[in-house]
Amino acid sequence: MHMRFTFILLAAGALFAQTESKPSFEAAFIKANTSGSSGSSSNGTKGQLVMVNQSLKRLVERAYNVKPYQVTCPEWMENARFDVTAKYPEGTENPQRPAMLRTMLEERFKLAAHTETKELPGYALVVTKGGLKITPVEYAGGRSGTGVNSNNGLVTMELTALSMPDVADAFARNLDATVVDRTNAEGKYSFKLTWNNEDPNGGPAASGAAEFSAVQNAIATLGLHLQATKVPVQMIVVDHMERAPTEN
């Protein structure tokens, strides 16, 4: 009786260990990029991820699925660049992919990090006094996402079947600022916005206030407004990272 009970405990322990194992790539090849180029690329095709000339800081951003200002790290990590080719296990879902990259950084670069919450200047996406001028769309699991095109200062942003928190995130990425949803609007929305980043004299507008004003005017047509506020932001603080990976 005692031996049988011990076996059950050991079996349960083994099952728990399998359940708790970290998501990881089937294989990953990492090579330092010393080209000196400022360009970089990232593509996921045929079950693999191919990243070229990515800084270690950018890899951390992707691994935690956060924006650049959310990562606090040593300055050298912005200049250390690598090429990465990694193979996903069969059946990998998109939400699992950042965790796999995080596991790779922990195993190959000995990444150690912790999270902190800071109050930072940002914006709340709110509905104007006139009310929301767009209505939810019918969504049955089809295409959704964000597309942004810029041509000679003219910017077009097209959002398809996104919830308001995702809409806020799209504006955050475009403005490189923290934006949180406080519209209380439910459902998913599709719309297209166009604004001009040229100043009145015909030259390119300086980034910052001019671009923000253009975006603010564009979203007003939707019955939305970006209201300055303090926003709690989760920060990723890198405690340790090796400058070179373990061997492939």
Protein backbone atom coordinates (compact mmCIF):
# COMPACT_ATOMS: atom_id res chain seq x y z
CA MET A 1 0.00 0.00 0.00
CA HIS A 2 2.80 2.37 0.94
CA MET A 3 4.76 1.63 -2.28
CA ARG A 4 1.70 2.23 -4.48
CA PHE A 5 1.08 5.58 -2.81
CA THR A 6 4.71 6.60 -3.43
CA PHE A 7 4.39 5.71 -7.13
CA ILE A 8 1.31 7.86 -7.52
CA LEU A 9 3.10 10.82 -5.97
CA LEU A 10 6.12 10.37 -8.26
CA ALA A 11 3.92 10.07 -11.34
CA ALA A 12 1.98 13.18 -10.38
CA GLY A 13 5.23 15.04 -9.84
CA ALA A 14 6.52 14.06 -13.28
CA LEU A 15 3.27 15.20 -14.90
CA PHE A 16 3.46 18.54 -13.07
CA ALA A 17 7.05 19.05 -14.25
CA GLN A 18 5.98 18.47 -17.86
CA THR A 19 3.10 20.91 -17.50
CA GLU A 20 5.36 23.58 -16.01
CA SER A 21 8.11 23.29 -18.67
CA LYS A 22 8.88 26.53 -20.47
CA PRO A 23 7.81 27.00 -24.11
CA SER A 24 10.92 26.80 -26.29
CA PHE A 25 12.07 26.66 -29.90
CA GLU A 26 12.95 23.30 -31.43
CA ALA A 27 16.26 24.84 -32.47
CA ALA A 28 17.82 28.30 -32.55
CA PHE A 29 20.91 29.58 -34.38
CA ILE A 30 22.38 32.89 -33.16
CA LYS A 31 25.18 34.86 -34.82
CA ALA A 32 26.64 38.27 -33.98
CA ASN A 33 25.92 40.89 -36.66
CA THR A 34 28.92 43.17 -37.17
CA SER A 35 27.76 44.76 -40.44
CA GLY A 36 27.40 48.22 -38.88
CA SER A 37 24.08 48.61 -40.68
CA SER A 38 21.25 50.47 -38.97
CA GLY A 39 18.62 48.44 -40.82
CA SER A 40 16.96 45.37 -39.35
CA SER A 41 14.23 42.92 -40.28
CA SER A 42 12.06 40.22 -38.78
CA ASN A 43 9.99 37.59 -40.58
CA GLY A 44 8.08 34.53 -39.50
CA THR A 45 7.51 32.05 -42.32
CA LYS A 46 7.22 28.28 -42.75
CA GLY A 47 7.35 27.55 -39.04
CA GLN A 48 10.41 29.59 -38.28
CA LEU A 49 11.43 33.05 -37.10
CA VAL A 50 14.20 34.90 -38.94
CA MET A 51 15.54 38.11 -37.38
CA VAL A 52 18.39 40.09 -38.90
CA ASN A 53 20.51 42.74 -37.15
CA GLN A 54 18.32 42.94 -34.06
CA SER A 55 19.70 44.60 -30.91
CA LEU A 56 19.60 42.67 -27.64
CA LYS A 57 17.29 45.36 -26.27
CA ARG A 58 14.89 44.80 -29.16
CA LEU A 59 14.97 41.05 -28.55
CA VAL A 60 13.99 41.67 -24.92
CA GLU A 61 11.14 43.94 -26.06
CA ARG A 62 9.83 41.18 -28.31
CA ALA A 63 10.33 38.50 -25.67
CA TYR A 64 8.12 40.38 -23.21
CA ASN A 65 5.85 41.89 -25.90
CA VAL A 66 6.42 45.45 -24.65
CA LYS A 67 7.28 48.81 -26.18
CA PRO A 68 10.83 50.28 -26.23
CA TYR A 69 10.28 52.68 -23.32
CA GLN A 70 9.18 49.77 -21.11
CA VAL A 71 12.63 48.16 -21.07
CA THR A 72 15.33 49.43 -18.70
CA CYS A 73 18.71 47.93 -19.56
CA PRO A 74 22.44 48.70 -19.91
CA GLU A 75 23.22 51.01 -22.83
CA TRP A 76 25.45 48.42 -24.54
CA MET A 77 22.39 46.23 -25.19
CA GLU A 78 21.14 48.78 -27.72
CA ASN A 79 24.32 48.34 -29.78
CA ALA A 80 24.93 44.58 -29.49
CA ARG A 81 23.24 43.14 -32.58
CA PHE A 82 22.52 39.58 -33.66
CA ASP A 83 20.97 37.46 -36.39
CA VAL A 84 18.59 34.78 -35.12
CA THR A 85 17.00 31.88 -36.94
CA ALA A 86 14.68 29.79 -34.77
CA LYS A 87 12.32 26.92 -35.55
CA TYR A 88 8.90 26.74 -33.91
CA PRO A 89 7.54 23.38 -32.73
CA GLU A 90 4.68 22.11 -34.89
CA GLY A 91 1.34 23.58 -33.84
CA THR A 92 2.79 26.66 -32.12
CA GLU A 93 0.19 29.38 -31.58
CA ASN A 94 1.06 33.11 -31.87
CA PRO A 95 0.63 33.85 -28.13
CA GLN A 96 3.33 31.24 -27.32
CA ARG A 97 6.01 32.82 -29.49
CA PRO A 98 7.22 35.63 -27.19
CA ALA A 99 7.62 33.11 -24.35
CA MET A 100 9.79 30.93 -26.61
CA LEU A 101 12.04 33.89 -27.40
CA ARG A 102 12.23 34.68 -23.68
CA THR A 103 13.31 31.11 -22.92
CA MET A 104 15.99 31.35 -25.61
CA LEU A 105 17.38 34.58 -24.10
CA GLU A 106 17.38 33.03 -20.63
CA GLU A 107 19.19 29.91 -21.80
CA ARG A 108 21.60 31.37 -24.34
CA PHE A 109 22.27 34.87 -22.93
CA LYS A 110 21.50 34.12 -19.25
CA LEU A 111 18.85 36.84 -19.19
CA ALA A 112 17.55 37.71 -15.72
CA ALA A 113 14.91 40.44 -15.35
CA HIS A 114 12.15 41.63 -13.06
CA THR A 115 9.09 43.82 -13.44
CA GLU A 116 8.31 47.16 -11.83
CA THR A 117 5.29 49.44 -12.14
CA LYS A 118 5.89 53.15 -12.70
CA GLU A 119 3.54 56.09 -13.13
CA LEU A 120 4.47 57.72 -16.45
CA PRO A 121 3.00 60.59 -18.46
CA GLY A 122 0.63 59.19 -21.07
CA TYR A 123 -2.83 59.47 -22.56
CA ALA A 124 -6.28 58.05 -21.96
CA LEU A 125 -8.41 57.29 -25.02
CA VAL A 126 -11.83 58.73 -24.15
CA VAL A 127 -15.13 59.44 -25.90
CA THR A 128 -15.84 63.12 -26.67
CA LYS A 129 -18.92 64.92 -25.35
CA GLY A 130 -20.64 64.44 -28.69
CA GLY A 131 -20.46 60.65 -28.30
CA LEU A 132 -18.80 57.86 -30.25
CA LYS A 133 -19.32 58.25 -34.01
CA ILE A 134 -18.46 54.66 -34.97
CA THR A 135 -20.37 51.47 -34.25
CA PRO A 136 -19.15 47.92 -33.54
CA VAL A 137 -18.74 45.61 -36.51
CA GLU A 138 -19.90 42.04 -36.89
CA TYR A 139 -16.89 39.79 -36.34
CA ALA A 140 -16.90 36.03 -36.89
CA GLY A 141 -13.20 35.29 -36.47
CA GLY A 142 -12.03 36.73 -39.79
CA ARG A 143 -9.12 39.09 -40.49
CA SER A 144 -8.20 41.66 -37.84
CA GLY A 145 -5.25 43.94 -37.32
CA THR A 146 -3.62 47.28 -38.06
CA GLY A 147 -2.06 48.64 -41.23
CA VAL A 148 -0.13 51.91 -41.41
CA ASN A 149 1.24 53.53 -44.58
CA SER A 150 3.19 56.76 -44.87
CA ASN A 151 3.91 58.57 -48.14
CA ASN A 152 5.43 62.05 -48.32
CA GLY A 153 4.03 62.99 -44.92
CA LEU A 154 0.57 61.58 -45.57
CA VAL A 155 -0.21 58.83 -43.06
CA THR A 156 -3.04 56.34 -43.44
CA MET A 157 -3.97 54.01 -40.59
CA GLU A 158 -6.51 51.25 -41.20
CA LEU A 159 -7.81 49.23 -38.26
CA THR A 160 -9.88 46.11 -38.78
CA ALA A 161 -12.07 44.44 -36.15
CA LEU A 162 -10.16 45.66 -33.08
CA SER A 163 -11.40 46.12 -29.53
CA MET A 164 -10.96 49.58 -28.02
CA PRO A 165 -7.99 48.45 -25.88
CA ASP A 166 -6.33 47.28 -29.13
CA VAL A 167 -7.24 50.60 -30.79
CA ALA A 168 -5.54 52.42 -27.91
CA ASP A 169 -2.48 50.20 -28.35
CA ALA A 170 -2.37 50.99 -32.08
CA PHE A 171 -2.27 54.73 -31.32
CA ALA A 172 0.37 54.09 -28.65
CA ARG A 173 2.65 52.35 -31.13
CA ASN A 174 2.18 55.05 -33.75
CA LEU A 175 2.87 57.90 -31.31
CA ASP A 176 5.48 55.98 -29.26
CA ALA A 177 3.57 56.93 -26.11
CA THR A 178 1.52 55.18 -23.44
CA VAL A 179 -2.18 55.11 -24.32
CA VAL A 180 -4.84 53.30 -22.25
CA ASP A 181 -8.46 52.71 -23.15
CA ARG A 182 -11.03 54.51 -20.98
CA THR A 183 -13.89 54.63 -23.47
CA ASN A 184 -15.91 51.79 -21.89
CA ALA A 185 -16.88 50.95 -25.47
CA GLU A 186 -17.52 47.24 -26.07
CA GLY A 187 -17.24 45.25 -29.27
CA LYS A 188 -14.80 45.48 -32.20
CA TYR A 189 -14.34 48.41 -34.56
CA SER A 190 -13.09 48.98 -38.10
CA PHE A 191 -12.14 52.37 -39.51
CA LYS A 192 -9.57 54.25 -41.59
CA LEU A 193 -7.85 57.49 -40.58
CA THR A 194 -5.68 59.81 -42.64
CA TRP A 195 -3.61 62.73 -41.41
CA ASN A 196 -0.80 64.87 -42.76
CA ASN A 197 2.53 65.17 -40.98
CA GLU A 198 3.57 68.13 -43.12
CA ASP A 199 3.68 71.53 -41.46
CA PRO A 200 1.74 74.49 -42.97
CA ASN A 201 4.85 75.66 -44.85
CA GLY A 202 5.15 72.38 -46.71
CA GLY A 203 8.11 70.88 -44.83
CA PRO A 204 8.02 67.76 -42.67
CA ALA A 205 6.51 68.39 -39.25
CA ALA A 206 8.74 67.84 -36.26
CA SER A 207 7.92 64.64 -34.40
CA GLY A 208 6.09 65.15 -31.15
CA ALA A 209 3.59 67.99 -30.74
CA ALA A 210 2.86 68.50 -34.46
CA GLU A 211 2.25 64.82 -35.16
CA PHE A 212 0.19 64.43 -31.99
CA SER A 213 -2.00 67.37 -33.00
CA ALA A 214 -2.58 65.81 -36.43
CA VAL A 215 -3.59 62.49 -34.88
CA GLN A 216 -5.82 64.26 -32.34
CA ASN A 217 -7.69 66.05 -35.12
CA ALA A 218 -8.09 62.81 -37.08
CA ILE A 219 -9.55 60.76 -34.23
CA ALA A 220 -11.95 63.59 -33.32
CA THR A 221 -13.92 62.59 -36.44
CA LEU A 222 -14.56 59.26 -34.67
CA GLY A 223 -15.74 60.88 -31.47
CA LEU A 224 -12.48 60.03 -29.70
CA HIS A 225 -9.92 62.12 -27.84
CA LEU A 226 -6.51 61.56 -26.26
CA GLN A 227 -6.51 63.04 -22.77
CA ALA A 228 -3.20 63.65 -20.98
CA THR A 229 -2.93 61.67 -17.76
CA LYS A 230 -0.60 59.62 -15.56
CA VAL A 231 -0.59 55.95 -16.53
CA PRO A 232 0.68 52.94 -14.55
CA VAL A 233 3.18 51.18 -16.80
CA GLN A 234 4.80 47.80 -16.24
CA MET A 235 8.54 48.10 -16.81
CA ILE A 236 10.95 45.27 -17.61
CA VAL A 237 14.23 45.81 -15.76
CA VAL A 238 17.17 43.74 -17.01
CA ASP A 239 19.26 42.61 -14.05
CA HIS A 240 21.77 40.52 -16.01
CA MET A 241 22.55 39.55 -19.58
CA GLU A 242 25.64 38.09 -21.20
CA ARG A 243 27.20 39.96 -24.11
CA ALA A 244 27.55 36.79 -26.17
CA PRO A 245 25.35 33.69 -26.39
CA THR A 246 26.37 30.15 -25.59
CA GLU A 247 27.41 28.16 -28.64
CA ASN A 248 24.86 27.01 -31.20
